[in-house]
Amino acid sequence: MSRWKSHVSLAVAVVLSIDLFAILALGGGTPVAVAVRLLAVAAILWLWLRWRILSDRFLFALILLFLLSVYHFHATTNRRVADGFFYYAYVQSFWKDFDLHFDDEYAEYGMDERGSRFQPTVTGHARNTFPAGPAIFWSPFFLLGELVGRAKMLFSDEAVNLSGGGRLHWNAVSLGSLIYGFAAVVLVYSSLRRYFLP
């Protein structure tokens, strides 16, 4: 297959993926608009399969299932639940306040009066007993969401919540979790493939 086809199709896939990420992070776009973009990505993957850039049919099927889960993601509205607030407080506090003082985040979420967990530490700040690991992995997506929000404000008159506690950043880190989950499935598949497929 000619090299230009590979480069052009890769460039189109990257542009579509960035466009799709922006739409999902902003929470905009109709289901049809999201579906059209996902179908375009699937079509490019199918061409790659035919052109033998992507030669593994099982991996192709996994990617299609991932695209379906992205569509389902678009239909889900509430992503801030349970322990997610505590994990997310790290990334919001670090990147928006440049500190790890959680008082304002807890107040924003309405969780600042929930018993001993919120008693101040010896330093006088609100405690967080949850690990910071997820926040580290969410950081690239949080920052990408920030970039999308700032670009939206630059090119349109629409107001965008850039506080870090709004839908934009939550959607961005939720997409990050979805992508990490898919990467884990691909890693398990590639490990099993070595032992069980010819």
N, C-alpha and C. Protein backbone atom coordinates (compact mmCIF):
# COMPACT_ATOMS: atom_id res chain seq x y z
N MET A 1 0.84 -1.19 0.00
CA MET A 1 0.00 0.00 0.00
C MET A 1 0.88 1.24 0.00
N SER A 2 0.49 2.24 -0.77
CA SER A 2 1.32 3.44 -0.87
C SER A 2 1.38 4.17 0.47
N ARG A 3 2.52 4.79 0.70
CA ARG A 3 2.75 5.44 1.97
C ARG A 3 1.82 6.63 2.19
N TRP A 4 1.46 7.32 1.11
CA TRP A 4 0.61 8.51 1.28
C TRP A 4 -0.77 8.14 1.82
N LYS A 5 -1.29 6.97 1.42
CA LYS A 5 -2.59 6.53 1.95
C LYS A 5 -2.51 6.35 3.47
N SER A 6 -1.42 5.76 3.91
CA SER A 6 -1.23 5.53 5.33
C SER A 6 -1.17 6.85 6.09
N HIS A 7 -0.39 7.80 5.58
CA HIS A 7 -0.23 9.09 6.25
C HIS A 7 -1.52 9.89 6.25
N VAL A 8 -2.21 9.92 5.13
CA VAL A 8 -3.46 10.68 5.03
C VAL A 8 -4.52 10.09 5.96
N SER A 9 -4.67 8.76 5.94
CA SER A 9 -5.69 8.13 6.78
C SER A 9 -5.37 8.31 8.26
N LEU A 10 -4.08 8.27 8.63
CA LEU A 10 -3.69 8.49 10.02
C LEU A 10 -4.00 9.93 10.43
N ALA A 11 -3.70 10.88 9.56
CA ALA A 11 -3.98 12.29 9.87
C ALA A 11 -5.48 12.52 10.05
N VAL A 12 -6.29 11.92 9.18
CA VAL A 12 -7.75 12.06 9.28
C VAL A 12 -8.24 11.44 10.59
N ALA A 13 -7.70 10.27 10.95
CA ALA A 13 -8.11 9.60 12.19
C ALA A 13 -7.75 10.45 13.40
N VAL A 14 -6.58 11.07 13.40
CA VAL A 14 -6.17 11.92 14.52
C VAL A 14 -7.08 13.14 14.64
N VAL A 15 -7.36 13.79 13.51
CA VAL A 15 -8.24 14.97 13.53
C VAL A 15 -9.64 14.60 14.01
N LEU A 16 -10.17 13.48 13.53
CA LEU A 16 -11.49 13.03 13.97
C LEU A 16 -11.50 12.71 15.46
N SER A 17 -10.43 12.10 15.95
CA SER A 17 -10.36 11.74 17.37
C SER A 17 -10.31 12.99 18.24
N ILE A 18 -9.54 13.99 17.84
CA ILE A 18 -9.47 15.23 18.61
C ILE A 18 -10.81 15.94 18.59
N ASP A 19 -11.44 15.97 17.42
CA ASP A 19 -12.76 16.58 17.28
C ASP A 19 -13.78 15.87 18.17
N LEU A 20 -13.74 14.55 18.16
CA LEU A 20 -14.66 13.76 18.98
C LEU A 20 -14.41 13.98 20.46
N PHE A 21 -13.14 14.04 20.86
CA PHE A 21 -12.81 14.31 22.26
C PHE A 21 -13.37 15.66 22.69
N ALA A 22 -13.21 16.67 21.83
CA ALA A 22 -13.71 18.02 22.16
C ALA A 22 -15.22 18.01 22.33
N ILE A 23 -15.93 17.34 21.43
CA ILE A 23 -17.39 17.28 21.51
C ILE A 23 -17.83 16.58 22.79
N LEU A 24 -17.20 15.45 23.11
CA LEU A 24 -17.59 14.69 24.29
C LEU A 24 -17.22 15.43 25.57
N ALA A 25 -16.06 16.09 25.60
CA ALA A 25 -15.65 16.82 26.79
C ALA A 25 -16.57 18.01 27.05
N LEU A 26 -16.96 18.70 25.99
CA LEU A 26 -17.85 19.85 26.15
C LEU A 26 -19.29 19.43 26.42
N GLY A 27 -19.59 18.15 26.20
CA GLY A 27 -20.95 17.65 26.45
C GLY A 27 -21.92 18.09 25.38
N GLY A 28 -21.39 18.53 24.25
CA GLY A 28 -22.25 18.99 23.17
C GLY A 28 -22.41 17.93 22.10
N GLY A 29 -23.00 18.31 21.01
CA GLY A 29 -23.16 17.39 19.90
C GLY A 29 -24.36 16.47 20.09
N THR A 30 -25.10 16.31 19.04
CA THR A 30 -26.26 15.42 19.09
C THR A 30 -25.76 13.98 19.01
N PRO A 31 -26.60 13.02 19.40
CA PRO A 31 -26.20 11.62 19.24
C PRO A 31 -25.84 11.28 17.79
N VAL A 32 -26.54 11.91 16.84
CA VAL A 32 -26.25 11.65 15.42
C VAL A 32 -24.85 12.15 15.07
N ALA A 33 -24.50 13.36 15.54
CA ALA A 33 -23.19 13.93 15.25
C ALA A 33 -22.08 13.04 15.81
N VAL A 34 -22.27 12.54 17.02
CA VAL A 34 -21.28 11.66 17.63
C VAL A 34 -21.21 10.34 16.87
N ALA A 35 -22.37 9.80 16.51
CA ALA A 35 -22.41 8.53 15.77
C ALA A 35 -21.71 8.65 14.42
N VAL A 36 -21.91 9.77 13.73
CA VAL A 36 -21.27 9.96 12.41
C VAL A 36 -19.76 9.97 12.56
N ARG A 37 -19.26 10.64 13.57
CA ARG A 37 -17.81 10.67 13.79
C ARG A 37 -17.26 9.29 14.15
N LEU A 38 -18.00 8.56 14.98
CA LEU A 38 -17.56 7.21 15.34
C LEU A 38 -17.58 6.29 14.13
N LEU A 39 -18.59 6.43 13.29
CA LEU A 39 -18.64 5.63 12.06
C LEU A 39 -17.49 5.98 11.12
N ALA A 40 -17.12 7.25 11.08
CA ALA A 40 -15.98 7.66 10.24
C ALA A 40 -14.69 7.03 10.74
N VAL A 41 -14.50 7.02 12.06
CA VAL A 41 -13.31 6.36 12.64
C VAL A 41 -13.34 4.87 12.33
N ALA A 42 -14.52 4.24 12.47
CA ALA A 42 -14.65 2.80 12.16
C ALA A 42 -14.34 2.53 10.69
N ALA A 43 -14.77 3.44 9.81
CA ALA A 43 -14.49 3.26 8.38
C ALA A 43 -13.00 3.33 8.10
N ILE A 44 -12.31 4.25 8.76
CA ILE A 44 -10.86 4.34 8.58
C ILE A 44 -10.19 3.06 9.08
N LEU A 45 -10.65 2.55 10.22
CA LEU A 45 -10.09 1.30 10.75
C LEU A 45 -10.33 0.14 9.78
N TRP A 46 -11.51 0.12 9.17
CA TRP A 46 -11.82 -0.94 8.20
C TRP A 46 -10.88 -0.83 7.00
N LEU A 47 -10.62 0.40 6.55
CA LEU A 47 -9.67 0.59 5.45
C LEU A 47 -8.28 0.11 5.86
N TRP A 48 -7.89 0.41 7.09
CA TRP A 48 -6.59 -0.06 7.58
C TRP A 48 -6.52 -1.57 7.58
N LEU A 49 -7.64 -2.21 7.92
CA LEU A 49 -7.68 -3.67 7.92
C LEU A 49 -7.50 -4.19 6.49
N ARG A 50 -8.15 -3.54 5.55
CA ARG A 50 -8.02 -3.95 4.14
C ARG A 50 -6.64 -3.66 3.59
N TRP A 51 -6.06 -2.54 4.05
CA TRP A 51 -4.72 -2.17 3.56
C TRP A 51 -3.62 -2.86 4.36
N ARG A 52 -4.00 -3.66 5.34
CA ARG A 52 -3.08 -4.43 6.19
C ARG A 52 -2.21 -3.56 7.09
N ILE A 53 -2.65 -2.33 7.35
CA ILE A 53 -1.97 -1.54 8.39
C ILE A 53 -2.36 -2.13 9.75
N LEU A 54 -3.63 -2.48 9.85
CA LEU A 54 -4.15 -3.16 11.05
C LEU A 54 -4.53 -4.57 10.60
N SER A 55 -3.70 -5.54 10.91
CA SER A 55 -3.92 -6.88 10.37
C SER A 55 -4.62 -7.84 11.33
N ASP A 56 -4.79 -7.44 12.57
CA ASP A 56 -5.39 -8.31 13.58
C ASP A 56 -6.90 -8.09 13.66
N ARG A 57 -7.68 -9.08 13.22
CA ARG A 57 -9.14 -8.94 13.21
C ARG A 57 -9.74 -8.89 14.61
N PHE A 58 -9.13 -9.59 15.56
CA PHE A 58 -9.62 -9.55 16.94
C PHE A 58 -9.44 -8.16 17.54
N LEU A 59 -8.29 -7.56 17.26
CA LEU A 59 -8.04 -6.21 17.76
C LEU A 59 -9.02 -5.23 17.10
N PHE A 60 -9.29 -5.43 15.83
CA PHE A 60 -10.26 -4.60 15.12
C PHE A 60 -11.63 -4.69 15.80
N ALA A 61 -12.03 -5.91 16.17
CA ALA A 61 -13.32 -6.10 16.86
C ALA A 61 -13.32 -5.42 18.23
N LEU A 62 -12.20 -5.50 18.95
CA LEU A 62 -12.10 -4.82 20.25
C LEU A 62 -12.24 -3.30 20.09
N ILE A 63 -11.62 -2.75 19.05
CA ILE A 63 -11.70 -1.31 18.82
C ILE A 63 -13.14 -0.91 18.49
N LEU A 64 -13.83 -1.73 17.70
CA LEU A 64 -15.24 -1.43 17.40
C LEU A 64 -16.08 -1.43 18.67
N LEU A 65 -15.83 -2.39 19.56
CA LEU A 65 -16.55 -2.43 20.83
C LEU A 65 -16.22 -1.19 21.68
N PHE A 66 -14.97 -0.76 21.61
CA PHE A 66 -14.59 0.47 22.32
C PHE A 66 -15.36 1.67 21.77
N LEU A 67 -15.50 1.75 20.44
CA LEU A 67 -16.24 2.86 19.83
C LEU A 67 -17.70 2.85 20.28
N LEU A 68 -18.27 1.65 20.43
CA LEU A 68 -19.64 1.56 20.95
C LEU A 68 -19.71 2.07 22.38
N SER A 69 -18.69 1.76 23.19
CA SER A 69 -18.69 2.23 24.57
C SER A 69 -18.53 3.75 24.62
N VAL A 70 -17.82 4.33 23.65
CA VAL A 70 -17.70 5.79 23.57
C VAL A 70 -19.07 6.40 23.28
N TYR A 71 -19.83 5.76 22.41
CA TYR A 71 -21.17 6.26 22.12
C TYR A 71 -22.05 6.18 23.37
N HIS A 72 -21.94 5.09 24.11
CA HIS A 72 -22.69 4.95 25.36
C HIS A 72 -22.26 6.02 26.36
N PHE A 73 -20.96 6.32 26.38
CA PHE A 73 -20.43 7.37 27.25
C PHE A 73 -21.15 8.69 26.98
N HIS A 74 -21.38 8.99 25.71
CA HIS A 74 -22.04 10.24 25.34
C HIS A 74 -23.45 10.31 25.91
N ALA A 75 -24.10 9.16 26.02
CA ALA A 75 -25.48 9.13 26.51
C ALA A 75 -25.57 9.18 28.02
N THR A 76 -24.44 8.99 28.72
CA THR A 76 -24.43 8.99 30.19
C THR A 76 -24.15 10.40 30.69
N THR A 77 -24.96 10.87 31.62
CA THR A 77 -24.79 12.26 32.06
C THR A 77 -24.06 12.39 33.39
N ASN A 78 -24.40 11.58 34.38
CA ASN A 78 -23.82 11.76 35.72
C ASN A 78 -22.57 10.92 35.88
N ARG A 79 -21.41 11.58 35.93
CA ARG A 79 -20.14 10.86 36.07
C ARG A 79 -19.44 11.18 37.38
N ARG A 80 -20.02 12.05 38.18
CA ARG A 80 -19.42 12.41 39.47
C ARG A 80 -20.16 11.66 40.57
N VAL A 81 -19.64 10.52 40.95
CA VAL A 81 -20.34 9.71 41.95
C VAL A 81 -19.36 9.18 42.98
N ALA A 82 -19.89 8.91 44.17
CA ALA A 82 -19.21 8.19 45.25
C ALA A 82 -17.78 8.67 45.46
N ASP A 83 -16.83 7.73 45.47
CA ASP A 83 -15.44 8.04 45.80
C ASP A 83 -14.77 8.91 44.75
N GLY A 84 -15.35 9.02 43.57
CA GLY A 84 -14.74 9.81 42.51
C GLY A 84 -14.47 11.24 42.92
N PHE A 85 -15.30 11.81 43.80
CA PHE A 85 -15.08 13.17 44.28
C PHE A 85 -13.72 13.31 44.96
N PHE A 86 -13.40 12.33 45.80
CA PHE A 86 -12.16 12.41 46.56
C PHE A 86 -10.93 12.24 45.68
N TYR A 87 -10.99 11.29 44.75
CA TYR A 87 -9.87 11.11 43.82
C TYR A 87 -9.70 12.35 42.95
N TYR A 88 -10.85 12.89 42.50
CA TYR A 88 -10.81 14.03 41.59
C TYR A 88 -10.34 15.30 42.29
N ALA A 89 -10.57 15.40 43.60
CA ALA A 89 -10.16 16.60 44.34
C ALA A 89 -8.67 16.87 44.18
N TYR A 90 -7.86 15.82 44.07
CA TYR A 90 -6.43 15.99 43.88
C TYR A 90 -6.13 16.74 42.58
N VAL A 91 -6.68 16.24 41.49
CA VAL A 91 -6.34 16.82 40.18
C VAL A 91 -6.87 18.24 40.06
N GLN A 92 -8.08 18.48 40.58
CA GLN A 92 -8.63 19.83 40.51
C GLN A 92 -7.83 20.80 41.37
N SER A 93 -7.53 20.40 42.59
CA SER A 93 -6.80 21.27 43.50
C SER A 93 -5.39 21.57 42.98
N PHE A 94 -4.72 20.53 42.46
CA PHE A 94 -3.35 20.72 42.00
C PHE A 94 -3.28 21.63 40.78
N TRP A 95 -4.13 21.36 39.77
CA TRP A 95 -4.01 22.10 38.52
C TRP A 95 -4.73 23.44 38.52
N LYS A 96 -5.71 23.61 39.41
CA LYS A 96 -6.43 24.88 39.44
C LYS A 96 -5.94 25.81 40.55
N ASP A 97 -5.59 25.25 41.71
CA ASP A 97 -5.13 26.09 42.82
C ASP A 97 -3.62 25.99 43.03
N PHE A 98 -3.00 25.01 42.38
CA PHE A 98 -1.57 24.73 42.55
C PHE A 98 -1.22 24.44 44.01
N ASP A 99 -2.12 23.72 44.66
CA ASP A 99 -1.88 23.26 46.02
C ASP A 99 -2.65 21.96 46.22
N LEU A 100 -2.54 21.39 47.42
CA LEU A 100 -3.31 20.20 47.76
C LEU A 100 -4.15 20.46 49.00
N HIS A 101 -4.76 21.63 49.06
CA HIS A 101 -5.67 21.99 50.13
C HIS A 101 -7.09 21.79 49.61
N PHE A 102 -7.81 20.86 50.21
CA PHE A 102 -9.08 20.42 49.63
C PHE A 102 -10.31 21.14 50.18
N ASP A 103 -10.12 22.13 51.03
CA ASP A 103 -11.26 22.80 51.66
C ASP A 103 -12.23 23.36 50.63
N ASP A 104 -11.69 24.07 49.63
CA ASP A 104 -12.57 24.70 48.64
C ASP A 104 -13.25 23.66 47.73
N GLU A 105 -12.53 22.57 47.42
CA GLU A 105 -13.15 21.52 46.59
C GLU A 105 -14.30 20.86 47.35
N TYR A 106 -14.08 20.54 48.62
CA TYR A 106 -15.14 19.90 49.42
C TYR A 106 -16.34 20.83 49.57
N ALA A 107 -16.06 22.12 49.74
CA ALA A 107 -17.15 23.09 49.86
C ALA A 107 -17.93 23.16 48.54
N GLU A 108 -17.21 23.12 47.44
CA GLU A 108 -17.86 23.18 46.12
C GLU A 108 -18.77 21.98 45.89
N TYR A 109 -18.33 20.81 46.37
CA TYR A 109 -19.12 19.59 46.19
C TYR A 109 -20.16 19.40 47.28
N GLY A 110 -20.18 20.31 48.27
CA GLY A 110 -21.14 20.19 49.36
C GLY A 110 -20.81 19.06 50.32
N MET A 111 -19.51 18.75 50.47
CA MET A 111 -19.09 17.63 51.31
C MET A 111 -18.25 18.08 52.50
N ASP A 112 -18.29 19.36 52.82
CA ASP A 112 -17.39 19.85 53.85
C ASP A 112 -17.90 19.64 55.27
N GLU A 113 -19.07 19.06 55.43
CA GLU A 113 -19.58 18.83 56.79
C GLU A 113 -20.04 17.39 56.94
N ARG A 114 -19.16 16.46 56.62
CA ARG A 114 -19.54 15.05 56.66
C ARG A 114 -18.74 14.25 57.67
N GLY A 115 -18.56 14.74 58.84
CA GLY A 115 -17.96 13.93 59.90
C GLY A 115 -16.46 13.97 59.96
N SER A 116 -15.89 12.93 60.59
CA SER A 116 -14.48 12.92 60.96
C SER A 116 -13.54 12.95 59.77
N ARG A 117 -13.98 12.43 58.64
CA ARG A 117 -13.12 12.41 57.47
C ARG A 117 -12.70 13.82 57.08
N PHE A 118 -13.54 14.79 57.42
CA PHE A 118 -13.27 16.16 57.02
C PHE A 118 -12.70 17.00 58.15
N GLN A 119 -12.34 16.36 59.26
CA GLN A 119 -11.67 17.09 60.33
C GLN A 119 -10.29 17.53 59.82
N PRO A 120 -9.86 18.70 60.19
CA PRO A 120 -8.56 19.19 59.70
C PRO A 120 -7.41 18.30 60.15
N THR A 121 -6.37 18.27 59.36
CA THR A 121 -5.14 17.55 59.72
C THR A 121 -4.35 18.44 60.68
N VAL A 122 -3.19 17.96 61.09
CA VAL A 122 -2.35 18.75 62.00
C VAL A 122 -1.87 20.04 61.34
N THR A 123 -1.88 20.08 60.01
CA THR A 123 -1.48 21.30 59.30
C THR A 123 -2.64 22.28 59.17
N GLY A 124 -3.84 21.84 59.61
CA GLY A 124 -5.00 22.72 59.56
C GLY A 124 -5.79 22.66 58.27
N HIS A 125 -5.47 21.72 57.39
CA HIS A 125 -6.18 21.59 56.12
C HIS A 125 -7.06 20.36 56.11
N ALA A 126 -8.05 20.36 55.22
CA ALA A 126 -8.94 19.20 55.09
C ALA A 126 -8.15 17.99 54.63
N ARG A 127 -8.48 16.83 55.18
CA ARG A 127 -7.76 15.62 54.82
C ARG A 127 -8.40 14.93 53.62
N ASN A 128 -7.60 14.13 52.95
CA ASN A 128 -8.09 13.27 51.87
C ASN A 128 -7.40 11.93 52.06
N THR A 129 -8.19 10.91 52.43
CA THR A 129 -7.61 9.60 52.74
C THR A 129 -7.47 8.72 51.50
N PHE A 130 -7.84 9.25 50.34
CA PHE A 130 -7.77 8.47 49.11
C PHE A 130 -6.42 8.71 48.42
N PRO A 131 -5.89 7.72 47.69
CA PRO A 131 -4.59 7.89 47.04
C PRO A 131 -4.66 8.86 45.85
N ALA A 132 -3.50 9.43 45.52
CA ALA A 132 -3.42 10.43 44.45
C ALA A 132 -3.15 9.82 43.08
N GLY A 133 -2.97 8.51 43.01
CA GLY A 133 -2.63 7.86 41.74
C GLY A 133 -3.56 8.17 40.59
N PRO A 134 -4.90 8.03 40.76
CA PRO A 134 -5.78 8.35 39.63
C PRO A 134 -5.61 9.78 39.12
N ALA A 135 -5.38 10.73 40.03
CA ALA A 135 -5.20 12.12 39.62
C ALA A 135 -3.98 12.29 38.73
N ILE A 136 -2.93 11.54 39.00
CA ILE A 136 -1.73 11.61 38.17
C ILE A 136 -2.04 11.16 36.76
N PHE A 137 -2.77 10.04 36.64
CA PHE A 137 -3.12 9.53 35.32
C PHE A 137 -4.18 10.37 34.62
N TRP A 138 -5.03 11.02 35.41
CA TRP A 138 -6.05 11.88 34.82
C TRP A 138 -5.51 13.22 34.35
N SER A 139 -4.35 13.63 34.86
CA SER A 139 -3.83 14.96 34.57
C SER A 139 -3.73 15.31 33.09
N PRO A 140 -3.20 14.42 32.21
CA PRO A 140 -3.14 14.79 30.79
C PRO A 140 -4.53 15.08 30.20
N PHE A 141 -5.53 14.32 30.64
CA PHE A 141 -6.88 14.52 30.11
C PHE A 141 -7.52 15.78 30.71
N PHE A 142 -7.23 16.04 31.97
CA PHE A 142 -7.71 17.27 32.61
C PHE A 142 -7.16 18.48 31.85
N LEU A 143 -5.86 18.45 31.55
CA LEU A 143 -5.23 19.56 30.84
C LEU A 143 -5.72 19.67 29.40
N LEU A 144 -5.98 18.53 28.77
CA LEU A 144 -6.55 18.56 27.42
C LEU A 144 -7.95 19.16 27.44
N GLY A 145 -8.73 18.81 28.47
CA GLY A 145 -10.05 19.41 28.64
C GLY A 145 -9.95 20.92 28.84
N GLU A 146 -8.96 21.35 29.62
CA GLU A 146 -8.72 22.78 29.83
C GLU A 146 -8.42 23.47 28.50
N LEU A 147 -7.59 22.83 27.69
CA LEU A 147 -7.24 23.38 26.38
C LEU A 147 -8.47 23.49 25.47
N VAL A 148 -9.31 22.45 25.48
CA VAL A 148 -10.55 22.47 24.69
C VAL A 148 -11.45 23.60 25.14
N GLY A 149 -11.60 23.76 26.47
CA GLY A 149 -12.44 24.82 27.00
C GLY A 149 -11.95 26.20 26.63
N ARG A 150 -10.64 26.40 26.71
CA ARG A 150 -10.07 27.71 26.37
C ARG A 150 -10.20 28.00 24.88
N ALA A 151 -10.03 26.95 24.06
CA ALA A 151 -10.21 27.13 22.62
C ALA A 151 -11.66 27.48 22.29
N LYS A 152 -12.59 26.83 22.98
CA LYS A 152 -14.02 27.12 22.78
C LYS A 152 -14.33 28.58 23.12
N MET A 153 -13.77 29.07 24.24
CA MET A 153 -14.00 30.45 24.63
C MET A 153 -13.35 31.42 23.65
N LEU A 154 -12.23 31.03 23.08
CA LEU A 154 -11.51 31.90 22.16
C LEU A 154 -12.25 32.06 20.84
N PHE A 155 -12.87 30.95 20.37
CA PHE A 155 -13.48 30.97 19.05
C PHE A 155 -15.00 31.12 19.07
N SER A 156 -15.60 31.26 20.24
CA SER A 156 -17.05 31.46 20.30
C SER A 156 -17.39 32.38 21.47
N ASP A 157 -18.61 32.83 21.50
CA ASP A 157 -19.06 33.71 22.59
C ASP A 157 -19.65 32.93 23.75
N GLU A 158 -19.65 31.60 23.65
CA GLU A 158 -20.25 30.78 24.70
C GLU A 158 -19.39 30.78 25.96
N ALA A 159 -20.05 30.84 27.10
CA ALA A 159 -19.34 30.75 28.38
C ALA A 159 -19.00 29.28 28.66
N VAL A 160 -17.80 29.04 29.14
CA VAL A 160 -17.36 27.68 29.48
C VAL A 160 -16.87 27.69 30.92
N ASN A 161 -17.31 26.70 31.69
CA ASN A 161 -16.90 26.59 33.09
C ASN A 161 -15.48 26.03 33.14
N LEU A 162 -14.52 26.90 33.48
CA LEU A 162 -13.12 26.49 33.57
C LEU A 162 -12.66 26.37 35.02
N SER A 163 -13.60 26.23 35.95
CA SER A 163 -13.25 26.14 37.37
C SER A 163 -12.55 24.83 37.71
N GLY A 164 -12.73 23.83 36.86
CA GLY A 164 -12.18 22.50 37.15
C GLY A 164 -13.21 21.59 37.76
N GLY A 165 -14.31 22.16 38.26
CA GLY A 165 -15.35 21.35 38.89
C GLY A 165 -16.59 21.22 38.03
N GLY A 166 -16.49 21.61 36.77
CA GLY A 166 -17.65 21.55 35.88
C GLY A 166 -17.64 20.34 34.98
N ARG A 167 -18.65 20.31 34.11
CA ARG A 167 -18.85 19.16 33.22
C ARG A 167 -17.66 18.95 32.28
N LEU A 168 -17.05 20.02 31.81
CA LEU A 168 -15.95 19.91 30.86
C LEU A 168 -14.81 19.05 31.39
N HIS A 169 -14.31 19.38 32.56
CA HIS A 169 -13.17 18.65 33.11
C HIS A 169 -13.57 17.25 33.57
N TRP A 170 -14.79 17.12 34.11
CA TRP A 170 -15.26 15.78 34.51
C TRP A 170 -15.36 14.87 33.29
N ASN A 171 -15.91 15.39 32.20
CA ASN A 171 -16.01 14.59 30.98
C ASN A 171 -14.63 14.20 30.47
N ALA A 172 -13.69 15.15 30.52
CA ALA A 172 -12.34 14.88 30.02
C ALA A 172 -11.67 13.75 30.80
N VAL A 173 -11.73 13.81 32.14
CA VAL A 173 -11.09 12.75 32.92
C VAL A 173 -11.86 11.43 32.82
N SER A 174 -13.17 11.51 32.63
CA SER A 174 -13.95 10.28 32.44
C SER A 174 -13.58 9.60 31.13
N LEU A 175 -13.37 10.41 30.09
CA LEU A 175 -12.89 9.85 28.82
C LEU A 175 -11.51 9.22 29.01
N GLY A 176 -10.69 9.88 29.82
CA GLY A 176 -9.38 9.31 30.12
C GLY A 176 -9.49 7.95 30.76
N SER A 177 -10.40 7.81 31.71
CA SER A 177 -10.62 6.51 32.37
C SER A 177 -11.08 5.46 31.36
N LEU A 178 -11.95 5.87 30.45
CA LEU A 178 -12.44 4.96 29.41
C LEU A 178 -11.29 4.50 28.52
N ILE A 179 -10.43 5.43 28.15
CA ILE A 179 -9.29 5.10 27.29
C ILE A 179 -8.30 4.20 28.03
N TYR A 180 -8.03 4.49 29.31
CA TYR A 180 -7.13 3.63 30.08
C TYR A 180 -7.72 2.23 30.23
N GLY A 181 -9.04 2.15 30.43
CA GLY A 181 -9.69 0.84 30.53
C GLY A 181 -9.53 0.04 29.25
N PHE A 182 -9.71 0.72 28.11
CA PHE A 182 -9.54 0.04 26.82
C PHE A 182 -8.09 -0.39 26.62
N ALA A 183 -7.15 0.46 27.02
CA ALA A 183 -5.74 0.11 26.90
C ALA A 183 -5.42 -1.14 27.73
N ALA A 184 -6.05 -1.25 28.90
CA ALA A 184 -5.84 -2.43 29.75
C ALA A 184 -6.37 -3.69 29.07
N VAL A 185 -7.54 -3.58 28.42
CA VAL A 185 -8.11 -4.73 27.69
C VAL A 185 -7.17 -5.15 26.56
N VAL A 186 -6.64 -4.17 25.82
CA VAL A 186 -5.71 -4.48 24.72
C VAL A 186 -4.44 -5.12 25.26
N LEU A 187 -3.96 -4.65 26.41
CA LEU A 187 -2.76 -5.23 27.02
C LEU A 187 -3.00 -6.69 27.42
N VAL A 188 -4.15 -6.97 28.02
CA VAL A 188 -4.49 -8.34 28.40
C VAL A 188 -4.60 -9.21 27.14
N TYR A 189 -5.27 -8.67 26.11
CA TYR A 189 -5.43 -9.41 24.86
C TYR A 189 -4.07 -9.74 24.24
N SER A 190 -3.18 -8.73 24.18
CA SER A 190 -1.88 -8.97 23.55
C SER A 190 -1.06 -9.98 24.35
N SER A 191 -1.22 -9.97 25.68
CA SER A 191 -0.50 -10.96 26.50
C SER A 191 -1.04 -12.36 26.25
N LEU A 192 -2.37 -12.50 26.22
CA LEU A 192 -2.98 -13.81 25.98
C LEU A 192 -2.70 -14.32 24.56
N ARG A 193 -2.63 -13.40 23.62
CA ARG A 193 -2.41 -13.77 22.22
C ARG A 193 -1.09 -14.50 22.05
N ARG A 194 -0.10 -14.12 22.84
CA ARG A 194 1.20 -14.76 22.74
C ARG A 194 1.16 -16.24 23.07
N TYR A 195 0.22 -16.59 23.97
CA TYR A 195 0.17 -17.98 24.46
C TYR A 195 -0.92 -18.82 23.79
N PHE A 196 -2.00 -18.21 23.33
CA PHE A 196 -3.14 -18.99 22.89
C PHE A 196 -3.51 -18.84 21.42
N LEU A 197 -2.91 -17.91 20.70
CA LEU A 197 -3.19 -17.78 19.27
C LEU A 197 -1.94 -18.11 18.47
N PRO A 198 -2.13 -18.76 17.32
CA PRO A 198 -0.95 -19.14 16.52
C PRO A 198 -0.26 -17.93 15.91
